[in-house]
N, C-alpha and C. Protein backbone atom coordinates (compact mmCIF):
# COMPACT_ATOMS: atom_id res chain seq x y z
N MET A 1 0.71 -1.09 -0.12
CA MET A 1 0.04 0.37 -0.02
C MET A 1 0.92 1.59 0.19
N ALA A 2 2.11 0.96 0.83
CA ALA A 2 2.40 2.22 0.75
C ALA A 2 3.42 2.75 -0.36
N SER A 3 3.80 1.66 -1.51
CA SER A 3 4.31 1.74 -2.40
C SER A 3 3.28 2.66 -3.67
N ASP A 4 2.19 2.08 -3.66
CA ASP A 4 1.14 2.43 -4.25
C ASP A 4 1.05 4.03 -4.24
N SER A 5 0.96 4.40 -2.61
CA SER A 5 1.09 6.21 -2.60
C SER A 5 2.48 7.08 -3.25
N THR A 6 3.61 6.03 -2.98
CA THR A 6 5.46 6.47 -3.53
C THR A 6 4.82 6.70 -5.06
N THR A 7 4.23 6.23 -6.25
CA THR A 7 4.19 5.61 -7.40
C THR A 7 3.43 6.71 -7.49
N ASP A 8 1.79 6.98 -7.06
CA ASP A 8 0.61 7.77 -7.11
C ASP A 8 1.56 9.78 -7.00
N PHE A 9 2.26 9.50 -6.04
CA PHE A 9 3.11 10.04 -5.91
C PHE A 9 3.89 11.11 -6.39
N SER A 10 4.87 10.52 -7.56
CA SER A 10 6.31 10.20 -8.53
C SER A 10 4.86 10.68 -9.97
N ASP A 11 3.80 10.13 -9.65
CA ASP A 11 3.40 10.35 -11.52
C ASP A 11 2.68 11.74 -11.11
N GLN A 12 2.10 12.55 -9.26
CA GLN A 12 1.66 13.74 -9.83
C GLN A 12 3.02 14.86 -10.05
N LEU A 13 3.83 14.35 -9.71
CA LEU A 13 4.85 15.32 -9.66
C LEU A 13 5.41 15.18 -11.07
N TYR A 14 5.14 14.47 -12.05
CA TYR A 14 6.00 13.88 -13.41
C TYR A 14 4.48 14.90 -14.22
N THR A 15 3.16 14.78 -13.51
CA THR A 15 2.52 15.12 -14.17
C THR A 15 2.84 17.24 -14.00
N TRP A 16 2.90 17.11 -13.25
CA TRP A 16 2.91 18.72 -12.65
C TRP A 16 3.95 19.39 -13.60
N GLU A 17 5.30 18.81 -13.42
CA GLU A 17 6.49 19.23 -14.26
C GLU A 17 5.97 18.99 -15.87
N GLU A 18 5.45 18.42 -16.19
CA GLU A 18 5.15 18.42 -17.62
C GLU A 18 4.18 20.06 -17.64
N ASP A 19 3.00 20.15 -16.66
CA ASP A 19 2.09 21.22 -16.78
C ASP A 19 3.08 22.46 -16.65
N ARG A 20 3.78 22.09 -16.10
CA ARG A 20 4.64 23.71 -15.62
C ARG A 20 5.14 23.82 -17.03
N LYS A 21 5.85 22.90 -17.57
CA LYS A 21 6.84 23.66 -18.64
C LYS A 21 5.37 23.83 -19.98
N LEU A 22 4.30 23.43 -19.81
CA LEU A 22 3.88 23.28 -21.38
C LEU A 22 3.21 24.89 -21.18
N VAL A 23 2.63 25.10 -19.48
CA VAL A 23 2.58 26.92 -19.69
C VAL A 23 3.56 27.74 -19.75
N LEU A 24 4.58 27.36 -19.20
CA LEU A 24 5.94 28.37 -19.23
C LEU A 24 6.20 28.61 -20.94
N ARG A 25 6.23 27.90 -22.05
CA ARG A 25 6.28 27.65 -22.65
C ARG A 25 5.14 28.80 -23.56
N GLY A 26 3.84 28.26 -23.22
CA GLY A 26 2.71 29.36 -23.71
C GLY A 26 2.81 30.75 -23.23
N TRP A 27 3.47 30.86 -22.03
CA TRP A 27 3.16 32.36 -21.47
C TRP A 27 4.85 33.15 -22.39
N SER A 28 5.79 32.36 -22.49
CA SER A 28 6.90 32.80 -23.18
C SER A 28 6.30 32.96 -24.56
N LEU A 29 5.82 32.17 -25.38
CA LEU A 29 5.46 32.39 -26.64
C LEU A 29 4.35 33.77 -27.01
N VAL A 30 3.37 33.99 -26.49
CA VAL A 30 2.62 34.80 -25.93
C VAL A 30 3.04 36.17 -25.76
N PHE A 31 4.35 36.17 -24.61
CA PHE A 31 4.97 37.58 -24.38
C PHE A 31 6.00 37.79 -25.86
N ILE A 32 6.46 37.02 -26.41
CA ILE A 32 7.45 37.02 -27.22
C ILE A 32 6.26 37.75 -28.82
N ILE A 33 5.41 37.31 -29.02
CA ILE A 33 4.60 37.64 -30.06
C ILE A 33 3.89 38.81 -30.00
N LEU A 34 3.68 39.26 -28.58
CA LEU A 34 3.62 40.92 -28.03
C LEU A 34 4.48 41.76 -28.15
N ALA A 35 5.44 41.27 -27.65
CA ALA A 35 7.10 42.16 -27.64
C ALA A 35 7.28 42.42 -29.31
N THR A 36 7.21 41.40 -29.96
CA THR A 36 7.93 41.47 -31.31
C THR A 36 6.32 42.06 -32.30
N LEU A 37 5.25 42.36 -31.87
CA LEU A 37 3.78 43.04 -32.59
C LEU A 37 4.07 44.99 -31.95
N LEU A 38 4.76 44.89 -30.56
CA LEU A 38 5.24 46.13 -30.42
C LEU A 38 6.38 46.91 -31.34
N LEU A 39 7.43 46.44 -31.33
CA LEU A 39 8.70 46.78 -32.00
C LEU A 39 7.97 46.82 -33.32
N LEU A 40 7.62 45.97 -34.01
CA LEU A 40 7.49 46.17 -35.67
C LEU A 40 6.41 47.26 -35.79
N SER A 41 5.32 47.65 -35.08
CA SER A 41 4.92 48.74 -35.18
C SER A 41 5.53 49.91 -34.64
N VAL A 42 6.75 50.12 -33.95
CA VAL A 42 7.73 51.31 -33.38
C VAL A 42 8.47 51.29 -34.67
N THR A 43 8.97 50.12 -34.82
CA THR A 43 10.23 50.04 -36.02
C THR A 43 9.48 50.78 -37.67
N ASP A 44 7.99 50.67 -37.44
CA ASP A 44 7.41 50.80 -39.16
C ASP A 44 6.72 52.13 -38.68
N GLY A 45 6.75 53.00 -37.98
CA GLY A 45 6.54 54.13 -37.72
C GLY A 45 4.97 54.17 -37.40
N ARG A 46 4.21 53.36 -37.32
CA ARG A 46 2.59 53.15 -36.55
C ARG A 46 2.58 53.34 -34.95
N VAL A 47 3.41 54.39 -34.45
CA VAL A 47 3.10 54.63 -33.29
C VAL A 47 2.70 56.92 -33.53
N ALA A 48 1.67 56.82 -33.42
CA ALA A 48 1.38 58.23 -33.57
C ALA A 48 1.19 58.98 -32.26
N TYR A 49 1.50 59.86 -32.13
CA TYR A 49 0.81 61.22 -31.15
C TYR A 49 -0.19 61.60 -31.66
N LEU A 50 -0.75 61.43 -30.08
CA LEU A 50 -2.00 62.60 -30.33
C LEU A 50 -2.55 63.20 -28.76
N GLN A 51 -2.63 64.72 -29.27
CA GLN A 51 -2.63 65.38 -28.69
C GLN A 51 -3.83 65.68 -27.71
N SER A 52 -4.48 65.56 -26.57
CA SER A 52 -5.60 65.88 -26.06
C SER A 52 -5.82 67.02 -25.36
N PRO A 53 -7.11 67.59 -24.60
CA PRO A 53 -6.85 69.08 -24.28
C PRO A 53 -6.06 68.67 -23.29
N TYR A 54 -5.85 67.85 -22.50
CA TYR A 54 -5.12 68.09 -21.15
C TYR A 54 -3.64 67.32 -21.84
N ALA A 55 -3.62 66.69 -22.25
CA ALA A 55 -1.98 66.15 -22.25
C ALA A 55 -1.98 64.90 -23.06
N GLY A 56 -1.34 64.75 -23.76
CA GLY A 56 -0.96 63.47 -25.30
C GLY A 56 -0.92 62.43 -24.45
N TYR A 57 -1.18 61.46 -25.66
CA TYR A 57 -0.89 60.19 -25.31
C TYR A 57 -0.87 59.27 -26.47
N LEU A 58 -0.37 58.19 -26.76
CA LEU A 58 0.77 57.11 -27.82
C LEU A 58 -0.78 56.13 -28.27
N GLY A 59 -0.80 56.24 -29.74
CA GLY A 59 -2.00 55.18 -30.30
C GLY A 59 -1.27 54.55 -30.93
N PHE A 60 -1.91 53.29 -31.03
CA PHE A 60 -0.96 52.49 -32.53
C PHE A 60 -1.99 52.72 -33.63
N TRP A 61 -1.98 53.02 -34.46
CA TRP A 61 -2.61 53.12 -35.98
C TRP A 61 -2.15 52.45 -37.08
N THR A 62 -2.87 52.16 -38.36
CA THR A 62 -2.33 51.93 -39.65
C THR A 62 -2.07 52.67 -40.14
N ASN A 63 -2.47 53.64 -39.99
CA ASN A 63 -2.23 54.46 -40.79
C ASN A 63 -1.81 55.97 -40.37
N CYS A 64 -0.07 56.56 -40.63
CA CYS A 64 0.19 57.70 -39.66
C CYS A 64 -0.57 58.90 -40.72
N LYS A 65 -0.76 58.88 -41.87
CA LYS A 65 -1.09 60.31 -42.60
C LYS A 65 -2.36 60.88 -42.12
N ARG A 66 -3.03 59.99 -41.34
CA ARG A 66 -4.63 60.86 -40.66
C ARG A 66 -3.85 61.25 -39.15
N HIS A 67 -3.01 60.77 -38.75
CA HIS A 67 -2.27 60.77 -37.07
C HIS A 67 -0.75 61.77 -37.63
N LYS A 68 -0.44 62.70 -36.72
CA LYS A 68 0.74 63.24 -35.88
C LYS A 68 1.30 62.05 -35.71
N CYS A 69 2.49 61.66 -36.92
CA CYS A 69 3.33 60.64 -36.15
C CYS A 69 4.12 61.12 -35.45
N ALA A 70 4.83 60.00 -34.07
CA ALA A 70 5.86 60.29 -33.17
C ALA A 70 6.65 61.14 -34.15
N ASN A 71 7.27 61.89 -32.74
CA ASN A 71 8.80 63.05 -33.43
C ASN A 71 9.62 63.33 -32.33
N VAL A 72 10.75 63.01 -32.66
CA VAL A 72 11.68 62.76 -32.12
C VAL A 72 12.40 64.19 -30.76
N GLY A 73 11.75 65.08 -31.03
CA GLY A 73 11.53 66.37 -30.44
C GLY A 73 10.14 66.57 -29.69
N GLN A 74 9.35 65.84 -29.47
CA GLN A 74 8.09 65.78 -28.82
C GLN A 74 8.55 64.42 -27.94
N VAL A 75 9.37 64.73 -26.76
CA VAL A 75 9.46 63.67 -26.03
C VAL A 75 8.49 63.52 -24.80
N THR A 76 7.40 62.95 -24.15
CA THR A 76 6.91 63.42 -23.64
C THR A 76 7.48 61.96 -22.55
N VAL A 77 6.46 61.64 -20.77
CA VAL A 77 6.57 60.57 -20.29
C VAL A 77 6.15 59.61 -21.19
N LEU A 78 4.81 59.67 -21.77
CA LEU A 78 4.32 58.41 -22.32
C LEU A 78 5.28 58.15 -23.20
N ILE A 79 5.68 58.64 -24.21
CA ILE A 79 6.47 58.04 -24.86
C ILE A 79 7.85 57.78 -24.52
N HIS A 80 8.43 57.85 -23.20
CA HIS A 80 9.13 57.25 -22.69
C HIS A 80 8.75 55.78 -21.52
N MET A 81 7.45 55.77 -21.40
CA MET A 81 7.06 54.81 -20.42
C MET A 81 6.80 53.75 -21.74
N SER A 82 6.39 54.21 -22.89
CA SER A 82 5.83 52.97 -23.65
C SER A 82 7.22 52.30 -24.52
N LYS A 83 8.38 52.93 -24.51
CA LYS A 83 9.45 52.10 -25.02
C LYS A 83 9.81 51.77 -23.92
N GLY A 84 9.54 52.01 -22.89
CA GLY A 84 10.62 51.50 -21.47
C GLY A 84 9.37 49.84 -21.74
N PHE A 85 7.92 49.88 -21.55
CA PHE A 85 7.65 48.60 -21.89
C PHE A 85 7.63 47.98 -22.66
N ILE A 86 8.15 48.52 -23.56
CA ILE A 86 8.54 47.63 -25.20
C ILE A 86 9.74 47.25 -24.54
N ILE A 87 10.53 47.92 -23.87
CA ILE A 87 11.83 47.06 -23.80
C ILE A 87 11.68 46.21 -22.33
N LEU A 88 11.07 46.39 -21.80
CA LEU A 88 10.80 45.01 -20.63
C LEU A 88 9.86 43.92 -21.06
N ALA A 89 8.79 44.26 -22.50
CA ALA A 89 8.70 42.74 -22.46
C ALA A 89 9.31 42.41 -23.61
N LEU A 90 10.28 42.73 -24.45
CA LEU A 90 11.11 42.02 -24.93
C LEU A 90 12.51 41.44 -23.78
N ALA A 91 13.24 41.77 -22.73
CA ALA A 91 13.46 41.35 -21.82
C ALA A 91 12.65 40.00 -21.69
N LEU A 92 11.62 40.28 -21.03
CA LEU A 92 10.61 39.17 -20.56
C LEU A 92 10.58 38.19 -21.68
N GLY A 93 10.12 38.65 -22.81
CA GLY A 93 10.57 37.37 -24.03
C GLY A 93 11.41 36.69 -23.89
N LEU A 94 12.86 37.68 -24.21
CA LEU A 94 13.93 36.61 -24.22
C LEU A 94 14.22 35.73 -22.82
N PHE A 95 13.72 36.45 -21.90
CA PHE A 95 14.23 35.26 -20.38
C PHE A 95 13.28 34.74 -20.24
N LEU A 96 12.04 34.57 -21.16
CA LEU A 96 11.10 33.43 -20.97
C LEU A 96 12.19 32.32 -22.02
N LEU A 97 12.03 33.02 -23.00
CA LEU A 97 12.71 32.38 -24.64
C LEU A 97 13.70 31.37 -23.94
N SER A 98 14.58 32.04 -23.27
CA SER A 98 15.50 30.81 -22.64
C SER A 98 15.65 30.07 -22.31
N SER A 99 14.67 30.46 -20.54
CA SER A 99 13.88 29.53 -19.83
C SER A 99 13.20 28.60 -20.77
N MET A 100 12.23 28.38 -21.68
CA MET A 100 11.68 27.52 -22.73
C MET A 100 12.95 26.77 -23.25
N VAL A 101 13.79 27.12 -23.80
CA VAL A 101 15.09 26.65 -24.75
C VAL A 101 15.58 25.63 -23.10
N LEU A 102 15.81 26.11 -22.00
CA LEU A 102 16.33 24.96 -20.76
C LEU A 102 15.12 23.78 -21.06
N SER A 103 13.82 23.53 -21.18
CA SER A 103 12.98 22.97 -21.15
C SER A 103 12.84 21.85 -21.81
N PHE A 104 13.96 21.94 -23.49
CA PHE A 104 13.59 20.97 -24.20
C PHE A 104 15.32 20.90 -24.18
N GLN A 105 15.54 20.39 -23.17
CA GLN A 105 16.49 19.33 -23.21
C GLN A 105 17.36 18.29 -23.52
N GLN A 106 16.02 17.80 -23.86
CA GLN A 106 16.65 16.63 -24.66
C GLN A 106 16.69 16.63 -25.86
N VAL A 107 15.56 17.26 -26.01
CA VAL A 107 15.59 17.65 -28.00
C VAL A 107 16.89 18.47 -28.08
N PHE A 108 17.49 19.72 -27.83
CA PHE A 108 18.75 20.20 -27.46
C PHE A 108 20.14 19.41 -27.72
N ARG A 109 19.50 18.04 -26.96
CA ARG A 109 20.84 17.39 -26.50
C ARG A 109 21.17 16.55 -28.07
N ARG A 110 19.79 16.04 -28.68
CA ARG A 110 20.27 16.03 -29.85
C ARG A 110 20.82 16.89 -31.00
N LEU A 111 20.11 18.12 -30.70
CA LEU A 111 20.73 19.23 -32.34
C LEU A 111 21.77 19.38 -32.36
N ARG A 112 22.42 19.21 -31.07
CA ARG A 112 23.90 19.12 -30.78
C ARG A 112 24.80 18.48 -31.18
N LYS A 113 24.16 17.34 -30.98
CA LYS A 113 24.87 16.48 -31.68
C LYS A 113 24.66 15.98 -33.33
N ILE A 114 24.30 16.82 -33.81
CA ILE A 114 23.62 16.86 -35.36
C ILE A 114 24.60 18.15 -35.84
N ASP A 115 24.76 19.27 -34.71
CA ASP A 115 25.10 20.06 -35.41
C ASP A 115 26.91 19.70 -35.10
N LEU A 116 27.16 18.95 -33.84
CA LEU A 116 28.45 18.22 -34.21
C LEU A 116 28.94 17.93 -35.68
N LEU A 117 28.01 16.69 -35.93
CA LEU A 117 28.41 15.99 -37.06
C LEU A 117 28.31 17.13 -38.61
N PHE A 118 27.20 18.20 -38.71
CA PHE A 118 27.57 19.21 -39.73
C PHE A 118 28.47 19.85 -39.53
N SER A 119 29.12 20.15 -37.91
CA SER A 119 30.32 21.24 -38.33
C SER A 119 31.40 20.31 -38.62
N VAL A 120 31.92 18.93 -38.07
CA VAL A 120 32.73 18.16 -38.62
C VAL A 120 33.01 18.02 -39.99
N LEU A 121 31.39 17.86 -40.77
CA LEU A 121 31.42 17.60 -42.31
C LEU A 121 31.99 19.17 -42.89
N SER A 122 31.50 19.99 -42.44
CA SER A 122 31.81 21.56 -43.24
C SER A 122 33.43 21.64 -42.84
N ILE A 123 33.78 21.45 -41.65
CA ILE A 123 35.47 21.12 -41.17
C ILE A 123 36.38 20.71 -42.38
N SER A 124 36.16 19.17 -42.79
CA SER A 124 36.33 18.40 -43.61
C SER A 124 36.17 18.92 -44.99
N ILE A 125 35.10 19.22 -45.04
CA ILE A 125 34.89 19.73 -46.59
C ILE A 125 35.70 20.84 -46.68
N VAL A 126 36.03 21.83 -46.13
CA VAL A 126 37.09 22.94 -46.28
C VAL A 126 38.24 22.61 -46.20
N GLN A 127 38.68 21.96 -45.36
CA GLN A 127 40.34 21.25 -45.56
C GLN A 127 40.31 20.44 -46.69
N GLY A 128 39.39 19.57 -47.28
CA GLY A 128 39.59 18.63 -48.38
C GLY A 128 39.67 20.12 -49.64
N SER A 129 39.02 21.04 -49.76
CA SER A 129 39.31 21.71 -51.08
C SER A 129 40.03 22.57 -50.90
């Protein structure tokens, strides 16, 4: 009876470990997609600076011709905050991506062996020619 409880506990730990890895991979993909979309919208010039009666704010638009696009001379707190959040999202995405890479340890062991094989082949081809 005691052995049954230990096997059940080890099975629960195994399923919890697999669930944790799945949740970690899912969240990392979500954050990476959001950070990439934010970065692409900034580099594409789709961040528009809109002025309201009391303050200015940032909006994401598909057409910057209708709105005043963000200018380097108009540095406000909100522009700094949006850039900070983009950098924070990218840093979090990179951290979660590295955690996701470490969770695929067995797959990367196989890839390292394949990479070693191709590097040996490329070195032998370069030396042979």
